[in-house]
Amino acid sequence: MAASRYRRPSPASVGFGHTEPVSPHHAQLSSTASSLDELIKRVVAAADDLAGDREDLASDLYEVERSLRTGARRLTTVLRRLDGR
């Protein structure tokens, strides 16, 4: 039987351009970042609902939103650093 002319590509050349291993923490932190984005949306929605009647609570929730956004930006930076970017 004749040898096949087809050569399989090397594992490093297959995929989406990632040739370096991904940190084992990346998937968990990426999922956490997505959850954090969803949490921010929920906090903002609650603050918006309270804005007319309970400005004190709405103000506190907007402060929580700012803190969560700061944390989300920091987490995004950590994820980029894990990826080596």
N, C-alpha and C. Protein backbone atom coordinates (compact mmCIF):
# COMPACT_ATOMS: atom_id res chain seq x y z
N MET A 1 0.84 -1.17 0.00
CA MET A 1 0.00 0.00 0.00
C MET A 1 0.89 1.24 0.00
N ALA A 2 0.55 2.20 -0.82
CA ALA A 2 1.36 3.41 -0.95
C ALA A 2 1.11 4.34 0.23
N ALA A 3 2.15 5.07 0.57
CA ALA A 3 2.03 6.04 1.67
C ALA A 3 1.18 7.21 1.22
N SER A 4 0.42 7.72 2.13
CA SER A 4 -0.44 8.87 1.84
C SER A 4 0.39 10.12 1.65
N ARG A 5 -0.04 10.96 0.75
CA ARG A 5 0.63 12.24 0.54
C ARG A 5 0.17 13.28 1.55
N TYR A 6 -0.92 13.00 2.20
CA TYR A 6 -1.47 13.95 3.16
C TYR A 6 -0.64 13.96 4.44
N ARG A 7 -0.24 15.13 4.84
CA ARG A 7 0.47 15.29 6.11
C ARG A 7 -0.41 16.09 7.06
N ARG A 8 -0.56 15.57 8.24
CA ARG A 8 -1.36 16.28 9.23
C ARG A 8 -0.60 17.52 9.70
N PRO A 9 -1.34 18.62 9.90
CA PRO A 9 -0.66 19.82 10.41
C PRO A 9 -0.22 19.60 11.86
N SER A 10 0.81 20.31 12.24
CA SER A 10 1.29 20.18 13.62
C SER A 10 0.26 20.77 14.57
N PRO A 11 0.17 20.28 15.79
CA PRO A 11 -0.80 20.79 16.75
C PRO A 11 -0.66 22.29 16.98
N ALA A 12 0.55 22.82 16.89
CA ALA A 12 0.75 24.26 17.12
C ALA A 12 0.13 25.11 16.02
N SER A 13 -0.03 24.53 14.81
CA SER A 13 -0.56 25.32 13.71
C SER A 13 -2.08 25.22 13.59
N VAL A 14 -2.70 24.40 14.40
CA VAL A 14 -4.15 24.21 14.36
C VAL A 14 -4.77 25.06 15.46
N GLY A 15 -5.89 25.66 15.17
CA GLY A 15 -6.59 26.42 16.20
C GLY A 15 -6.77 27.87 15.79
N PHE A 16 -6.86 28.70 16.77
CA PHE A 16 -7.17 30.11 16.54
C PHE A 16 -5.95 31.00 16.77
N GLY A 17 -4.80 30.52 16.44
CA GLY A 17 -3.60 31.32 16.59
C GLY A 17 -2.96 31.22 17.96
N HIS A 18 -3.52 30.44 18.86
CA HIS A 18 -2.93 30.27 20.18
C HIS A 18 -1.89 29.17 20.09
N THR A 19 -0.64 29.55 20.30
CA THR A 19 0.40 28.55 20.31
C THR A 19 0.95 28.35 21.72
N GLU A 20 0.61 29.27 22.62
CA GLU A 20 1.05 29.13 24.00
C GLU A 20 -0.08 28.51 24.82
N PRO A 21 0.26 27.74 25.83
CA PRO A 21 -0.79 27.17 26.67
C PRO A 21 -1.53 28.26 27.44
N VAL A 22 -2.83 28.05 27.62
CA VAL A 22 -3.65 29.00 28.35
C VAL A 22 -3.56 28.65 29.83
N SER A 23 -3.54 29.69 30.66
CA SER A 23 -3.46 29.48 32.10
C SER A 23 -4.63 28.61 32.56
N PRO A 24 -4.40 27.72 33.52
CA PRO A 24 -5.50 26.90 34.03
C PRO A 24 -6.58 27.74 34.72
N HIS A 25 -6.25 28.96 35.07
CA HIS A 25 -7.22 29.84 35.74
C HIS A 25 -8.07 30.63 34.75
N HIS A 26 -7.66 30.64 33.50
CA HIS A 26 -8.32 31.50 32.52
C HIS A 26 -9.81 31.23 32.39
N ALA A 27 -10.20 29.99 32.25
CA ALA A 27 -11.62 29.66 32.05
C ALA A 27 -12.46 30.10 33.24
N GLN A 28 -11.98 29.83 34.43
CA GLN A 28 -12.73 30.21 35.63
C GLN A 28 -12.83 31.72 35.76
N LEU A 29 -11.74 32.43 35.51
CA LEU A 29 -11.76 33.89 35.63
C LEU A 29 -12.59 34.53 34.52
N SER A 30 -12.56 33.94 33.34
CA SER A 30 -13.37 34.45 32.24
C SER A 30 -14.86 34.30 32.55
N SER A 31 -15.23 33.17 33.13
CA SER A 31 -16.60 32.94 33.55
C SER A 31 -17.01 33.93 34.64
N THR A 32 -16.10 34.19 35.56
CA THR A 32 -16.36 35.15 36.63
C THR A 32 -16.56 36.54 36.05
N ALA A 33 -15.78 36.91 35.04
CA ALA A 33 -15.93 38.22 34.40
C ALA A 33 -17.31 38.35 33.74
N SER A 34 -17.77 37.29 33.11
CA SER A 34 -19.10 37.30 32.50
C SER A 34 -20.19 37.44 33.56
N SER A 35 -20.03 36.73 34.66
CA SER A 35 -21.00 36.83 35.76
C SER A 35 -20.99 38.23 36.36
N LEU A 36 -19.82 38.81 36.45
CA LEU A 36 -19.70 40.16 36.98
C LEU A 36 -20.42 41.17 36.08
N ASP A 37 -20.29 41.01 34.78
CA ASP A 37 -21.00 41.89 33.84
C ASP A 37 -22.51 41.78 34.03
N GLU A 38 -23.00 40.56 34.21
CA GLU A 38 -24.44 40.35 34.44
C GLU A 38 -24.87 40.97 35.77
N LEU A 39 -24.06 40.84 36.78
CA LEU A 39 -24.36 41.42 38.09
C LEU A 39 -24.44 42.94 38.00
N ILE A 40 -23.54 43.55 37.25
CA ILE A 40 -23.56 45.00 37.07
C ILE A 40 -24.89 45.43 36.44
N LYS A 41 -25.33 44.71 35.44
CA LYS A 41 -26.61 45.03 34.79
C LYS A 41 -27.77 44.96 35.78
N ARG A 42 -27.75 43.96 36.65
CA ARG A 42 -28.82 43.80 37.64
C ARG A 42 -28.81 44.93 38.67
N VAL A 43 -27.61 45.31 39.10
CA VAL A 43 -27.50 46.40 40.08
C VAL A 43 -27.99 47.70 39.47
N VAL A 44 -27.62 47.97 38.24
CA VAL A 44 -28.06 49.19 37.56
C VAL A 44 -29.58 49.19 37.39
N ALA A 45 -30.14 48.06 37.02
CA ALA A 45 -31.60 47.98 36.85
C ALA A 45 -32.31 48.26 38.18
N ALA A 46 -31.79 47.72 39.27
CA ALA A 46 -32.39 47.97 40.58
C ALA A 46 -32.25 49.45 40.96
N ALA A 47 -31.09 50.01 40.69
CA ALA A 47 -30.88 51.43 41.00
C ALA A 47 -31.81 52.32 40.19
N ASP A 48 -31.96 52.00 38.92
CA ASP A 48 -32.87 52.77 38.06
C ASP A 48 -34.31 52.69 38.56
N ASP A 49 -34.73 51.52 39.01
CA ASP A 49 -36.09 51.34 39.54
C ASP A 49 -36.31 52.16 40.81
N LEU A 50 -35.28 52.28 41.63
CA LEU A 50 -35.39 53.00 42.89
C LEU A 50 -35.15 54.50 42.76
N ALA A 51 -34.66 54.94 41.63
CA ALA A 51 -34.22 56.33 41.46
C ALA A 51 -35.31 57.36 41.74
N GLY A 52 -36.53 57.07 41.43
CA GLY A 52 -37.59 58.06 41.64
C GLY A 52 -38.05 58.15 43.08
N ASP A 53 -38.13 57.02 43.76
CA ASP A 53 -38.71 56.98 45.11
C ASP A 53 -37.67 57.00 46.22
N ARG A 54 -36.60 56.28 46.06
CA ARG A 54 -35.59 56.14 47.11
C ARG A 54 -34.21 56.53 46.57
N GLU A 55 -34.00 57.82 46.44
CA GLU A 55 -32.74 58.32 45.90
C GLU A 55 -31.53 57.89 46.74
N ASP A 56 -31.73 57.74 48.05
CA ASP A 56 -30.62 57.32 48.91
C ASP A 56 -30.14 55.91 48.55
N LEU A 57 -31.09 55.01 48.35
CA LEU A 57 -30.73 53.64 47.97
C LEU A 57 -30.18 53.57 46.55
N ALA A 58 -30.80 54.34 45.65
CA ALA A 58 -30.33 54.37 44.26
C ALA A 58 -28.89 54.87 44.21
N SER A 59 -28.59 55.90 44.98
CA SER A 59 -27.24 56.44 45.02
C SER A 59 -26.24 55.40 45.52
N ASP A 60 -26.62 54.67 46.56
CA ASP A 60 -25.75 53.61 47.07
C ASP A 60 -25.52 52.52 46.02
N LEU A 61 -26.58 52.16 45.31
CA LEU A 61 -26.44 51.13 44.28
C LEU A 61 -25.57 51.62 43.12
N TYR A 62 -25.67 52.89 42.77
CA TYR A 62 -24.79 53.41 41.71
C TYR A 62 -23.33 53.39 42.17
N GLU A 63 -23.10 53.59 43.45
CA GLU A 63 -21.75 53.49 43.99
C GLU A 63 -21.26 52.03 43.90
N VAL A 64 -22.14 51.09 44.20
CA VAL A 64 -21.80 49.67 44.04
C VAL A 64 -21.46 49.38 42.58
N GLU A 65 -22.26 49.93 41.67
CA GLU A 65 -21.99 49.74 40.24
C GLU A 65 -20.59 50.22 39.88
N ARG A 66 -20.23 51.41 40.35
CA ARG A 66 -18.89 51.95 40.03
C ARG A 66 -17.79 51.02 40.56
N SER A 67 -17.99 50.52 41.76
CA SER A 67 -16.99 49.61 42.32
C SER A 67 -16.91 48.31 41.52
N LEU A 68 -18.05 47.77 41.14
CA LEU A 68 -18.06 46.54 40.34
C LEU A 68 -17.40 46.76 38.98
N ARG A 69 -17.65 47.91 38.37
CA ARG A 69 -17.02 48.21 37.07
C ARG A 69 -15.49 48.31 37.22
N THR A 70 -15.05 48.91 38.31
CA THR A 70 -13.61 48.98 38.57
C THR A 70 -13.03 47.58 38.69
N GLY A 71 -13.70 46.72 39.44
CA GLY A 71 -13.26 45.34 39.57
C GLY A 71 -13.29 44.60 38.25
N ALA A 72 -14.30 44.85 37.43
CA ALA A 72 -14.41 44.19 36.12
C ALA A 72 -13.26 44.61 35.21
N ARG A 73 -12.90 45.90 35.24
CA ARG A 73 -11.77 46.36 34.43
C ARG A 73 -10.47 45.71 34.90
N ARG A 74 -10.29 45.60 36.21
CA ARG A 74 -9.08 44.99 36.74
C ARG A 74 -9.02 43.52 36.35
N LEU A 75 -10.16 42.83 36.42
CA LEU A 75 -10.20 41.41 36.05
C LEU A 75 -9.89 41.23 34.56
N THR A 76 -10.39 42.13 33.72
CA THR A 76 -10.07 42.08 32.29
C THR A 76 -8.58 42.24 32.06
N THR A 77 -7.95 43.13 32.82
CA THR A 77 -6.52 43.32 32.71
C THR A 77 -5.77 42.04 33.12
N VAL A 78 -6.22 41.42 34.19
CA VAL A 78 -5.59 40.17 34.65
C VAL A 78 -5.71 39.09 33.56
N LEU A 79 -6.90 38.98 32.95
CA LEU A 79 -7.10 37.98 31.89
C LEU A 79 -6.17 38.23 30.72
N ARG A 80 -5.99 39.49 30.35
CA ARG A 80 -5.06 39.80 29.24
C ARG A 80 -3.64 39.43 29.62
N ARG A 81 -3.27 39.69 30.84
CA ARG A 81 -1.92 39.34 31.28
C ARG A 81 -1.72 37.83 31.31
N LEU A 82 -2.75 37.09 31.70
CA LEU A 82 -2.67 35.63 31.66
C LEU A 82 -2.46 35.12 30.25
N ASP A 83 -3.08 35.82 29.29
CA ASP A 83 -2.96 35.43 27.88
C ASP A 83 -1.63 35.88 27.28
N GLY A 84 -0.87 36.67 28.02
CA GLY A 84 0.40 37.15 27.51
C GLY A 84 0.27 38.33 26.57
N ARG A 85 -0.85 39.03 26.65
CA ARG A 85 -1.04 40.21 25.78
C ARG A 85 -0.71 41.48 26.51
